[in-house]
Amino acid sequence: MADNDPPSNQRGGSQTFQGLGSLRQALQQARGVQAATPTPTPTAVPVDVEPELDALGRAYATGKRKNAVARVWIRPGTGRIDVNGRESPVYFARPVLRMLINQPLVAANRLGQFDVWCTVKGGGLSGQAGAVRHGISQALTRYEPGLRPLLKTQGFLTRDSRVVERKKYGKAKARRSFQFSKR
């Protein structure tokens, strides 16, 4: 056993970790180093922050991903999600996309408490699902400002700015050159 290898359990079994944070802590304890700082806890939002609701009691937000733009409205309800007038399982047939749009509600422990109605344009299904997720996250923070730190730490409020690189003249694609021939 080398000096930098983490020791195994006394019984010879494997150890399980809940995430990278617990793995990092276990490695630091194995090396005899105390954890430098614990993971930061989300701070509370000031009390004077009011929810931004329209006349019908809904919160509105815009979500974006790639070329897709989603307009999202949420209000208290039974957990129904409508996308462009269709149920989410019909519009987003792949389970991964449905899981993606539910992530902010699951993280905030609000699954089944809000009805979501959204219109989405542009891009493909994956980009549209990302836009809806971003819009739901933004709308949740408008409806309940206290959820902002929780959603922010998990990265749901940050717009994923990666877009397709444009094609340049003199190139076959964005970066691909034409085949070179010496003769």
N, C-alpha and C. Protein backbone atom coordinates (compact mmCIF):
# COMPACT_ATOMS: atom_id res chain seq x y z
N MET A 1 0.85 -1.18 0.00
CA MET A 1 0.00 0.00 0.00
C MET A 1 0.89 1.24 0.00
N ALA A 2 0.65 2.16 -0.92
CA ALA A 2 1.46 3.36 -1.03
C ALA A 2 1.01 4.36 0.03
N ASP A 3 1.84 5.38 0.25
CA ASP A 3 1.53 6.40 1.25
C ASP A 3 0.31 7.24 0.87
N ASN A 4 0.09 7.46 -0.41
CA ASN A 4 -1.01 8.33 -0.81
C ASN A 4 -2.31 7.58 -1.09
N ASP A 5 -2.34 6.24 -0.92
CA ASP A 5 -3.58 5.49 -1.12
C ASP A 5 -4.46 5.63 0.11
N PRO A 6 -5.76 5.85 -0.08
CA PRO A 6 -6.63 5.92 1.09
C PRO A 6 -6.81 4.53 1.68
N PRO A 7 -6.85 4.45 3.02
CA PRO A 7 -6.99 3.13 3.63
C PRO A 7 -8.39 2.56 3.39
N SER A 8 -8.47 1.25 3.25
CA SER A 8 -9.77 0.61 3.07
C SER A 8 -10.39 0.38 4.44
N ASN A 9 -11.66 0.00 4.45
CA ASN A 9 -12.35 -0.28 5.71
C ASN A 9 -11.67 -1.44 6.43
N GLN A 10 -11.86 -1.50 7.75
CA GLN A 10 -11.22 -2.55 8.55
C GLN A 10 -11.73 -3.93 8.18
N ARG A 11 -13.03 -4.03 7.82
CA ARG A 11 -13.62 -5.33 7.51
C ARG A 11 -13.33 -5.75 6.07
N GLY A 12 -12.71 -4.92 5.29
CA GLY A 12 -12.39 -5.29 3.92
C GLY A 12 -13.49 -4.93 2.94
N GLY A 13 -14.60 -4.34 3.39
CA GLY A 13 -15.70 -3.96 2.50
C GLY A 13 -15.43 -2.63 1.84
N SER A 14 -16.29 -2.25 0.93
CA SER A 14 -16.11 -0.97 0.26
C SER A 14 -16.94 0.09 0.98
N GLN A 15 -16.51 1.32 0.84
CA GLN A 15 -17.19 2.45 1.47
C GLN A 15 -18.00 3.17 0.42
N THR A 16 -19.20 3.62 0.78
CA THR A 16 -20.03 4.34 -0.19
C THR A 16 -20.03 5.82 0.15
N PHE A 17 -20.17 6.64 -0.89
CA PHE A 17 -20.15 8.08 -0.74
C PHE A 17 -21.41 8.66 -1.37
N GLN A 18 -21.93 9.74 -0.77
CA GLN A 18 -23.14 10.38 -1.28
C GLN A 18 -22.84 11.36 -2.42
N GLY A 19 -21.65 11.87 -2.49
CA GLY A 19 -21.30 12.82 -3.54
C GLY A 19 -19.83 13.15 -3.47
N LEU A 20 -19.42 14.12 -4.27
CA LEU A 20 -18.01 14.50 -4.30
C LEU A 20 -17.57 15.12 -2.99
N GLY A 21 -18.48 15.83 -2.33
CA GLY A 21 -18.13 16.46 -1.05
C GLY A 21 -17.77 15.44 0.00
N SER A 22 -18.57 14.37 0.10
CA SER A 22 -18.28 13.34 1.10
C SER A 22 -17.02 12.55 0.73
N LEU A 23 -16.79 12.36 -0.57
CA LEU A 23 -15.57 11.69 -1.01
C LEU A 23 -14.35 12.52 -0.66
N ARG A 24 -14.43 13.83 -0.89
CA ARG A 24 -13.32 14.73 -0.58
C ARG A 24 -13.04 14.73 0.92
N GLN A 25 -14.11 14.76 1.73
CA GLN A 25 -13.94 14.73 3.18
C GLN A 25 -13.26 13.44 3.63
N ALA A 26 -13.70 12.31 3.06
CA ALA A 26 -13.12 11.03 3.44
C ALA A 26 -11.65 10.96 3.06
N LEU A 27 -11.29 11.49 1.90
CA LEU A 27 -9.88 11.49 1.49
C LEU A 27 -9.05 12.37 2.40
N GLN A 28 -9.60 13.54 2.79
CA GLN A 28 -8.86 14.43 3.67
C GLN A 28 -8.69 13.82 5.05
N GLN A 29 -9.73 13.13 5.56
CA GLN A 29 -9.61 12.48 6.86
C GLN A 29 -8.62 11.32 6.80
N ALA A 30 -8.60 10.63 5.67
CA ALA A 30 -7.67 9.52 5.52
C ALA A 30 -6.23 10.00 5.53
N ARG A 31 -6.00 11.18 5.01
CA ARG A 31 -4.65 11.75 4.98
C ARG A 31 -4.32 12.49 6.27
N GLY A 32 -5.31 12.62 7.16
CA GLY A 32 -5.06 13.28 8.44
C GLY A 32 -5.27 14.78 8.37
N VAL A 33 -5.86 15.28 7.30
CA VAL A 33 -6.08 16.71 7.14
C VAL A 33 -7.53 17.00 7.51
N GLN A 34 -7.74 17.98 8.34
CA GLN A 34 -9.10 18.37 8.68
C GLN A 34 -9.73 19.10 7.50
N ALA A 35 -11.03 18.97 7.37
CA ALA A 35 -11.74 19.66 6.30
C ALA A 35 -11.58 21.16 6.49
N ALA A 36 -11.17 21.85 5.43
CA ALA A 36 -10.88 23.29 5.52
C ALA A 36 -12.13 24.07 5.90
N THR A 37 -13.16 23.96 5.12
CA THR A 37 -14.41 24.66 5.42
C THR A 37 -15.57 23.76 5.06
N PRO A 38 -16.60 23.76 5.86
CA PRO A 38 -17.78 22.97 5.49
C PRO A 38 -18.48 23.61 4.30
N THR A 39 -19.37 22.86 3.68
CA THR A 39 -20.09 23.40 2.53
C THR A 39 -20.97 24.55 2.98
N PRO A 40 -21.01 25.64 2.20
CA PRO A 40 -21.80 26.80 2.62
C PRO A 40 -23.29 26.49 2.59
N THR A 41 -23.98 26.96 3.60
CA THR A 41 -25.43 26.79 3.62
C THR A 41 -26.08 28.00 2.98
N PRO A 42 -27.18 27.81 2.27
CA PRO A 42 -27.83 28.95 1.63
C PRO A 42 -28.31 29.95 2.67
N THR A 43 -28.09 31.21 2.38
CA THR A 43 -28.51 32.25 3.30
C THR A 43 -29.96 32.63 3.02
N ALA A 44 -30.60 33.19 4.00
CA ALA A 44 -32.00 33.56 3.86
C ALA A 44 -32.13 34.84 3.04
N VAL A 45 -33.23 34.94 2.33
CA VAL A 45 -33.53 36.13 1.55
C VAL A 45 -34.10 37.17 2.50
N PRO A 46 -33.78 38.45 2.31
CA PRO A 46 -34.35 39.48 3.18
C PRO A 46 -35.87 39.42 3.20
N VAL A 47 -36.43 39.80 4.34
CA VAL A 47 -37.87 39.69 4.54
C VAL A 47 -38.64 40.64 3.64
N ASP A 48 -38.03 41.76 3.26
CA ASP A 48 -38.77 42.77 2.49
C ASP A 48 -38.94 42.41 1.01
N VAL A 49 -38.43 41.25 0.56
CA VAL A 49 -38.58 40.84 -0.83
C VAL A 49 -39.99 40.27 -1.02
N GLU A 50 -40.75 40.88 -1.90
CA GLU A 50 -42.13 40.48 -2.16
C GLU A 50 -42.19 39.59 -3.40
N PRO A 51 -43.11 38.63 -3.43
CA PRO A 51 -43.30 37.84 -4.65
C PRO A 51 -43.82 38.71 -5.78
N GLU A 52 -43.39 38.40 -7.01
CA GLU A 52 -43.85 39.14 -8.19
C GLU A 52 -44.95 38.33 -8.86
N LEU A 53 -46.21 38.67 -8.57
CA LEU A 53 -47.35 37.94 -9.11
C LEU A 53 -48.20 38.87 -9.97
N ASP A 54 -48.87 38.29 -11.00
CA ASP A 54 -49.76 39.09 -11.82
C ASP A 54 -51.16 39.10 -11.19
N ALA A 55 -52.14 39.66 -11.91
CA ALA A 55 -53.49 39.80 -11.39
C ALA A 55 -54.16 38.45 -11.15
N LEU A 56 -53.72 37.39 -11.85
CA LEU A 56 -54.31 36.07 -11.69
C LEU A 56 -53.57 35.21 -10.65
N GLY A 57 -52.59 35.79 -9.96
CA GLY A 57 -51.85 35.06 -8.94
C GLY A 57 -50.77 34.15 -9.49
N ARG A 58 -50.31 34.44 -10.72
CA ARG A 58 -49.27 33.63 -11.35
C ARG A 58 -47.94 34.37 -11.32
N ALA A 59 -46.86 33.60 -11.34
CA ALA A 59 -45.52 34.16 -11.48
C ALA A 59 -45.05 33.85 -12.90
N TYR A 60 -44.44 34.84 -13.56
CA TYR A 60 -43.99 34.69 -14.95
C TYR A 60 -42.48 34.81 -15.00
N ALA A 61 -41.86 34.03 -15.90
CA ALA A 61 -40.43 34.14 -16.13
C ALA A 61 -40.11 33.63 -17.53
N THR A 62 -38.96 34.04 -18.03
CA THR A 62 -38.48 33.60 -19.33
C THR A 62 -37.23 32.75 -19.12
N GLY A 63 -37.20 31.60 -19.78
CA GLY A 63 -36.03 30.73 -19.71
C GLY A 63 -35.43 30.57 -21.09
N LYS A 64 -34.10 30.43 -21.14
CA LYS A 64 -33.42 30.30 -22.43
C LYS A 64 -32.36 29.21 -22.37
N ARG A 65 -32.19 28.53 -23.50
CA ARG A 65 -31.14 27.51 -23.65
C ARG A 65 -30.91 27.32 -25.13
N LYS A 66 -29.67 27.43 -25.58
CA LYS A 66 -29.31 27.37 -27.00
C LYS A 66 -30.17 28.37 -27.76
N ASN A 67 -30.95 27.93 -28.75
CA ASN A 67 -31.81 28.86 -29.49
C ASN A 67 -33.26 28.81 -29.02
N ALA A 68 -33.54 28.09 -27.95
CA ALA A 68 -34.91 27.94 -27.46
C ALA A 68 -35.22 29.01 -26.41
N VAL A 69 -36.43 29.54 -26.49
CA VAL A 69 -36.91 30.53 -25.52
C VAL A 69 -38.24 30.04 -24.98
N ALA A 70 -38.36 29.96 -23.66
CA ALA A 70 -39.58 29.48 -23.03
C ALA A 70 -40.18 30.59 -22.18
N ARG A 71 -41.48 30.82 -22.35
CA ARG A 71 -42.23 31.73 -21.48
C ARG A 71 -43.00 30.85 -20.51
N VAL A 72 -42.78 31.04 -19.20
CA VAL A 72 -43.31 30.12 -18.19
C VAL A 72 -44.15 30.88 -17.18
N TRP A 73 -45.33 30.34 -16.88
CA TRP A 73 -46.20 30.84 -15.83
C TRP A 73 -46.42 29.71 -14.83
N ILE A 74 -46.32 30.01 -13.52
CA ILE A 74 -46.64 29.00 -12.51
C ILE A 74 -47.66 29.58 -11.54
N ARG A 75 -48.48 28.68 -10.99
CA ARG A 75 -49.45 29.05 -9.96
C ARG A 75 -49.72 27.82 -9.12
N PRO A 76 -50.21 27.98 -7.90
CA PRO A 76 -50.49 26.81 -7.07
C PRO A 76 -51.51 25.90 -7.76
N GLY A 77 -51.28 24.60 -7.66
CA GLY A 77 -52.17 23.66 -8.33
C GLY A 77 -51.84 22.22 -7.99
N THR A 78 -52.08 21.35 -8.96
CA THR A 78 -51.95 19.91 -8.74
C THR A 78 -50.68 19.31 -9.31
N GLY A 79 -49.83 20.11 -9.93
CA GLY A 79 -48.59 19.57 -10.51
C GLY A 79 -48.67 19.35 -12.01
N ARG A 80 -49.67 19.89 -12.66
CA ARG A 80 -49.84 19.73 -14.11
C ARG A 80 -48.84 20.63 -14.85
N ILE A 81 -48.17 20.08 -15.85
CA ILE A 81 -47.22 20.85 -16.66
C ILE A 81 -47.68 20.79 -18.10
N ASP A 82 -48.06 21.94 -18.67
CA ASP A 82 -48.48 22.05 -20.06
C ASP A 82 -47.42 22.79 -20.85
N VAL A 83 -47.02 22.22 -21.97
CA VAL A 83 -46.03 22.83 -22.85
C VAL A 83 -46.68 23.01 -24.22
N ASN A 84 -46.81 24.23 -24.67
CA ASN A 84 -47.44 24.56 -25.96
C ASN A 84 -48.82 23.90 -26.10
N GLY A 85 -49.59 23.92 -25.02
CA GLY A 85 -50.94 23.39 -25.05
C GLY A 85 -51.05 21.88 -24.92
N ARG A 86 -49.93 21.18 -24.73
CA ARG A 86 -49.95 19.73 -24.57
C ARG A 86 -49.34 19.35 -23.22
N GLU A 87 -49.73 18.19 -22.71
CA GLU A 87 -49.15 17.69 -21.46
C GLU A 87 -47.65 17.44 -21.67
N SER A 88 -46.86 17.58 -20.61
CA SER A 88 -45.41 17.40 -20.75
C SER A 88 -45.02 15.99 -21.20
N PRO A 89 -45.71 14.89 -20.75
CA PRO A 89 -45.30 13.57 -21.27
C PRO A 89 -45.56 13.40 -22.77
N VAL A 90 -46.51 14.17 -23.31
CA VAL A 90 -46.78 14.10 -24.74
C VAL A 90 -45.75 14.92 -25.51
N TYR A 91 -45.46 16.13 -25.01
CA TYR A 91 -44.54 17.02 -25.71
C TYR A 91 -43.10 16.53 -25.57
N PHE A 92 -42.69 16.21 -24.34
CA PHE A 92 -41.35 15.68 -24.09
C PHE A 92 -41.49 14.18 -23.86
N ALA A 93 -41.39 13.40 -24.93
CA ALA A 93 -41.63 11.95 -24.85
C ALA A 93 -40.50 11.23 -24.12
N ARG A 94 -39.28 11.74 -24.21
CA ARG A 94 -38.15 11.07 -23.57
C ARG A 94 -38.18 11.32 -22.06
N PRO A 95 -38.01 10.28 -21.25
CA PRO A 95 -38.04 10.46 -19.78
C PRO A 95 -36.96 11.40 -19.27
N VAL A 96 -35.81 11.44 -19.95
CA VAL A 96 -34.72 12.31 -19.51
C VAL A 96 -35.15 13.77 -19.58
N LEU A 97 -35.87 14.14 -20.63
CA LEU A 97 -36.31 15.52 -20.78
C LEU A 97 -37.36 15.87 -19.72
N ARG A 98 -38.25 14.93 -19.40
CA ARG A 98 -39.25 15.19 -18.35
C ARG A 98 -38.56 15.32 -16.99
N MET A 99 -37.53 14.50 -16.75
CA MET A 99 -36.78 14.61 -15.51
C MET A 99 -36.09 15.98 -15.43
N LEU A 100 -35.58 16.45 -16.57
CA LEU A 100 -34.88 17.73 -16.63
C LEU A 100 -35.79 18.88 -16.23
N ILE A 101 -37.03 18.88 -16.74
CA ILE A 101 -37.91 20.01 -16.43
C ILE A 101 -38.46 19.92 -15.00
N ASN A 102 -38.42 18.74 -14.38
CA ASN A 102 -38.89 18.60 -13.00
C ASN A 102 -37.81 18.89 -11.97
N GLN A 103 -36.55 19.01 -12.38
CA GLN A 103 -35.45 19.17 -11.44
C GLN A 103 -35.61 20.36 -10.48
N PRO A 104 -35.99 21.55 -10.94
CA PRO A 104 -36.13 22.65 -9.98
C PRO A 104 -37.24 22.41 -8.96
N LEU A 105 -38.34 21.78 -9.38
CA LEU A 105 -39.44 21.50 -8.47
C LEU A 105 -39.04 20.45 -7.44
N VAL A 106 -38.27 19.45 -7.87
CA VAL A 106 -37.79 18.42 -6.95
C VAL A 106 -36.80 19.01 -5.96
N ALA A 107 -35.89 19.86 -6.45
CA ALA A 107 -34.88 20.46 -5.58
C ALA A 107 -35.52 21.36 -4.52
N ALA A 108 -36.58 22.05 -4.90
CA ALA A 108 -37.27 22.95 -3.97
C ALA A 108 -38.33 22.22 -3.15
N ASN A 109 -38.49 20.91 -3.37
CA ASN A 109 -39.49 20.10 -2.68
C ASN A 109 -40.90 20.65 -2.93
N ARG A 110 -41.17 21.05 -4.18
CA ARG A 110 -42.46 21.61 -4.56
C ARG A 110 -43.13 20.79 -5.66
N LEU A 111 -42.70 19.56 -5.86
CA LEU A 111 -43.27 18.72 -6.91
C LEU A 111 -44.74 18.42 -6.59
N GLY A 112 -45.63 18.69 -7.54
CA GLY A 112 -47.05 18.46 -7.34
C GLY A 112 -47.78 19.61 -6.67
N GLN A 113 -47.08 20.71 -6.38
CA GLN A 113 -47.72 21.85 -5.72
C GLN A 113 -48.03 22.99 -6.67
N PHE A 114 -47.42 23.00 -7.85
CA PHE A 114 -47.61 24.11 -8.79
C PHE A 114 -48.05 23.57 -10.14
N ASP A 115 -48.95 24.30 -10.78
CA ASP A 115 -49.29 24.07 -12.18
C ASP A 115 -48.37 24.95 -13.02
N VAL A 116 -47.81 24.37 -14.05
CA VAL A 116 -46.89 25.10 -14.92
C VAL A 116 -47.50 25.15 -16.31
N TRP A 117 -47.55 26.36 -16.89
CA TRP A 117 -48.04 26.55 -18.24
C TRP A 117 -46.97 27.31 -18.98
N CYS A 118 -46.51 26.77 -20.11
CA CYS A 118 -45.43 27.45 -20.81
C CYS A 118 -45.57 27.31 -22.32
N THR A 119 -45.01 28.29 -23.01
CA THR A 119 -44.88 28.24 -24.47
C THR A 119 -43.39 28.30 -24.77
N VAL A 120 -42.96 27.49 -25.71
CA VAL A 120 -41.54 27.43 -26.02
C VAL A 120 -41.37 27.44 -27.54
N LYS A 121 -40.38 28.19 -28.00
CA LYS A 121 -40.11 28.32 -29.43
C LYS A 121 -38.62 28.16 -29.67
N GLY A 122 -38.28 27.68 -30.85
CA GLY A 122 -36.89 27.62 -31.30
C GLY A 122 -36.14 26.41 -30.77
N GLY A 123 -35.07 26.08 -31.46
CA GLY A 123 -34.20 24.99 -31.04
C GLY A 123 -34.83 23.62 -31.18
N GLY A 124 -34.19 22.63 -30.60
CA GLY A 124 -34.70 21.27 -30.61
C GLY A 124 -35.30 20.92 -29.26
N LEU A 125 -35.68 19.67 -29.09
CA LEU A 125 -36.35 19.26 -27.86
C LEU A 125 -35.44 19.40 -26.64
N SER A 126 -34.17 19.06 -26.78
CA SER A 126 -33.25 19.15 -25.64
C SER A 126 -33.07 20.60 -25.20
N GLY A 127 -32.88 21.50 -26.16
CA GLY A 127 -32.75 22.92 -25.84
C GLY A 127 -34.04 23.48 -25.25
N GLN A 128 -35.18 23.01 -25.76
CA GLN A 128 -36.46 23.48 -25.24
C GLN A 128 -36.67 23.01 -23.81
N ALA A 129 -36.28 21.77 -23.51
CA ALA A 129 -36.40 21.27 -22.14
C ALA A 129 -35.50 22.08 -21.19
N GLY A 130 -34.31 22.41 -21.64
CA GLY A 130 -33.42 23.25 -20.82
C GLY A 130 -33.99 24.64 -20.60
N ALA A 131 -34.64 25.19 -21.63
CA ALA A 131 -35.26 26.51 -21.50
C ALA A 131 -36.43 26.47 -20.53
N VAL A 132 -37.23 25.40 -20.59
CA VAL A 132 -38.36 25.27 -19.67
C VAL A 132 -37.84 25.13 -18.24
N ARG A 133 -36.78 24.34 -18.05
CA ARG A 133 -36.20 24.20 -16.71
C ARG A 133 -35.72 25.53 -16.17
N HIS A 134 -35.04 26.30 -17.00
CA HIS A 134 -34.55 27.61 -16.59
C HIS A 134 -35.72 28.54 -16.26
N GLY A 135 -36.78 28.49 -17.08
CA GLY A 135 -37.94 29.34 -16.84
C GLY A 135 -38.68 28.95 -15.56
N ILE A 136 -38.82 27.64 -15.29
CA ILE A 136 -39.49 27.19 -14.06
C ILE A 136 -38.69 27.65 -12.84
N SER A 137 -37.37 27.57 -12.92
CA SER A 137 -36.52 28.01 -11.81
C SER A 137 -36.69 29.49 -11.55
N GLN A 138 -36.69 30.28 -12.62
CA GLN A 138 -36.85 31.73 -12.47
C GLN A 138 -38.23 32.06 -11.91
N ALA A 139 -39.27 31.37 -12.41
CA ALA A 139 -40.63 31.64 -11.94
C ALA A 139 -40.80 31.24 -10.47
N LEU A 140 -40.15 30.14 -10.05
CA LEU A 140 -40.23 29.75 -8.65
C LEU A 140 -39.62 30.82 -7.74
N THR A 141 -38.52 31.42 -8.17
CA THR A 141 -37.91 32.46 -7.35
C THR A 141 -38.76 33.72 -7.33
N ARG A 142 -39.53 33.95 -8.38
CA ARG A 142 -40.44 35.10 -8.37
C ARG A 142 -41.65 34.83 -7.47
N TYR A 143 -42.09 33.56 -7.43
CA TYR A 143 -43.25 33.21 -6.61
C TYR A 143 -42.85 33.10 -5.13
N GLU A 144 -41.72 32.44 -4.87
CA GLU A 144 -41.21 32.29 -3.50
C GLU A 144 -39.75 32.75 -3.48
N PRO A 145 -39.50 34.02 -3.16
CA PRO A 145 -38.12 34.53 -3.17
C PRO A 145 -37.18 33.78 -2.22
N GLY A 146 -37.71 33.11 -1.22
CA GLY A 146 -36.88 32.36 -0.28
C GLY A 146 -36.21 31.14 -0.91
N LEU A 147 -36.69 30.71 -2.07
CA LEU A 147 -36.10 29.55 -2.75
C LEU A 147 -34.86 29.92 -3.57
N ARG A 148 -34.61 31.21 -3.75
CA ARG A 148 -33.51 31.63 -4.62
C ARG A 148 -32.15 31.05 -4.22
N PRO A 149 -31.74 31.11 -2.94
CA PRO A 149 -30.41 30.56 -2.60
C PRO A 149 -30.29 29.07 -2.91
N LEU A 150 -31.35 28.32 -2.64
CA LEU A 150 -31.33 26.89 -2.89
C LEU A 150 -31.18 26.59 -4.38
N LEU A 151 -31.97 27.27 -5.21
CA LEU A 151 -31.91 27.04 -6.66
C LEU A 151 -30.61 27.58 -7.25
N LYS A 152 -30.10 28.67 -6.68
CA LYS A 152 -28.87 29.26 -7.18
C LYS A 152 -27.67 28.35 -6.93
N THR A 153 -27.60 27.75 -5.74
CA THR A 153 -26.46 26.88 -5.43
C THR A 153 -26.46 25.64 -6.30
N GLN A 154 -27.63 25.18 -6.74
CA GLN A 154 -27.69 24.00 -7.59
C GLN A 154 -27.58 24.33 -9.07
N GLY A 155 -27.44 25.62 -9.41
CA GLY A 155 -27.17 26.03 -10.78
C GLY A 155 -28.37 26.13 -11.69
N PHE A 156 -29.58 26.16 -11.14
CA PHE A 156 -30.77 26.22 -11.99
C PHE A 156 -31.08 27.63 -12.48
N LEU A 157 -30.54 28.66 -11.84
CA LEU A 157 -30.85 30.03 -12.23
C LEU A 157 -29.85 30.58 -13.24
N THR A 158 -28.78 29.85 -13.50
CA THR A 158 -27.77 30.30 -14.45
C THR A 158 -28.14 29.84 -15.85
N ARG A 159 -28.17 30.79 -16.78
CA ARG A 159 -28.48 30.45 -18.17
C ARG A 159 -27.28 29.77 -18.78
N ASP A 160 -27.49 28.60 -19.36
CA ASP A 160 -26.42 27.87 -20.02
C ASP A 160 -26.16 28.56 -21.35
N SER A 161 -25.05 29.28 -21.45
CA SER A 161 -24.80 30.15 -22.60
C SER A 161 -24.15 29.45 -23.78
N ARG A 162 -23.97 28.14 -23.71
CA ARG A 162 -23.32 27.44 -24.82
C ARG A 162 -24.26 27.38 -26.02
N VAL A 163 -23.79 27.88 -27.15
CA VAL A 163 -24.56 27.85 -28.39
C VAL A 163 -23.68 27.27 -29.49
N VAL A 164 -24.30 26.91 -30.59
CA VAL A 164 -23.56 26.34 -31.72
C VAL A 164 -22.70 27.43 -32.34
N GLU A 165 -21.43 27.08 -32.59
CA GLU A 165 -20.50 28.04 -33.20
C GLU A 165 -20.85 28.23 -34.67
N ARG A 166 -20.75 29.46 -35.15
CA ARG A 166 -21.15 29.74 -36.52
C ARG A 166 -20.10 29.26 -37.52
N LYS A 167 -20.55 28.99 -38.74
CA LYS A 167 -19.66 28.56 -39.81
C LYS A 167 -18.90 29.77 -40.33
N LYS A 168 -17.60 29.59 -40.59
CA LYS A 168 -16.78 30.67 -41.14
C LYS A 168 -16.54 30.42 -42.62
N TYR A 169 -16.37 31.51 -43.37
CA TYR A 169 -16.07 31.36 -44.79
C TYR A 169 -14.68 30.79 -44.96
N GLY A 170 -14.49 30.00 -46.01
CA GLY A 170 -13.21 29.33 -46.23
C GLY A 170 -13.07 28.04 -45.44
N LYS A 171 -14.09 27.66 -44.69
CA LYS A 171 -14.08 26.44 -43.91
C LYS A 171 -15.28 25.58 -44.30
N ALA A 172 -15.14 24.26 -44.12
CA ALA A 172 -16.23 23.36 -44.45
C ALA A 172 -17.34 23.47 -43.41
N LYS A 173 -16.95 23.61 -42.13
CA LYS A 173 -17.91 23.80 -41.04
C LYS A 173 -17.38 24.93 -40.17
N ALA A 174 -17.67 24.92 -38.89
CA ALA A 174 -17.21 26.01 -38.03
C ALA A 174 -15.68 26.04 -37.94
N ARG A 175 -15.07 24.86 -37.80
CA ARG A 175 -13.61 24.80 -37.69
C ARG A 175 -12.98 23.84 -38.68
N ARG A 176 -13.76 22.95 -39.23
CA ARG A 176 -13.25 21.91 -40.13
C ARG A 176 -12.80 22.53 -41.44
N SER A 177 -11.56 22.21 -41.85
CA SER A 177 -11.05 22.69 -43.13
C SER A 177 -11.39 21.68 -44.23
N PHE A 178 -11.30 22.14 -45.46
CA PHE A 178 -11.48 21.24 -46.58
C PHE A 178 -10.29 20.30 -46.66
N GLN A 179 -10.47 19.14 -47.29
CA GLN A 179 -9.38 18.17 -47.35
C GLN A 179 -8.22 18.74 -48.14
N PHE A 180 -7.01 18.57 -47.59
CA PHE A 180 -5.82 19.09 -48.24
C PHE A 180 -5.29 18.10 -49.25
N SER A 181 -4.93 18.57 -50.42
CA SER A 181 -4.32 17.71 -51.43
C SER A 181 -3.02 18.37 -51.89
N LYS A 182 -1.93 17.64 -51.77
CA LYS A 182 -0.63 18.20 -52.14
C LYS A 182 -0.53 18.31 -53.65
N ARG A 183 -1.11 17.36 -54.37
CA ARG A 183 -1.05 17.38 -55.83
C ARG A 183 -2.44 17.25 -56.42
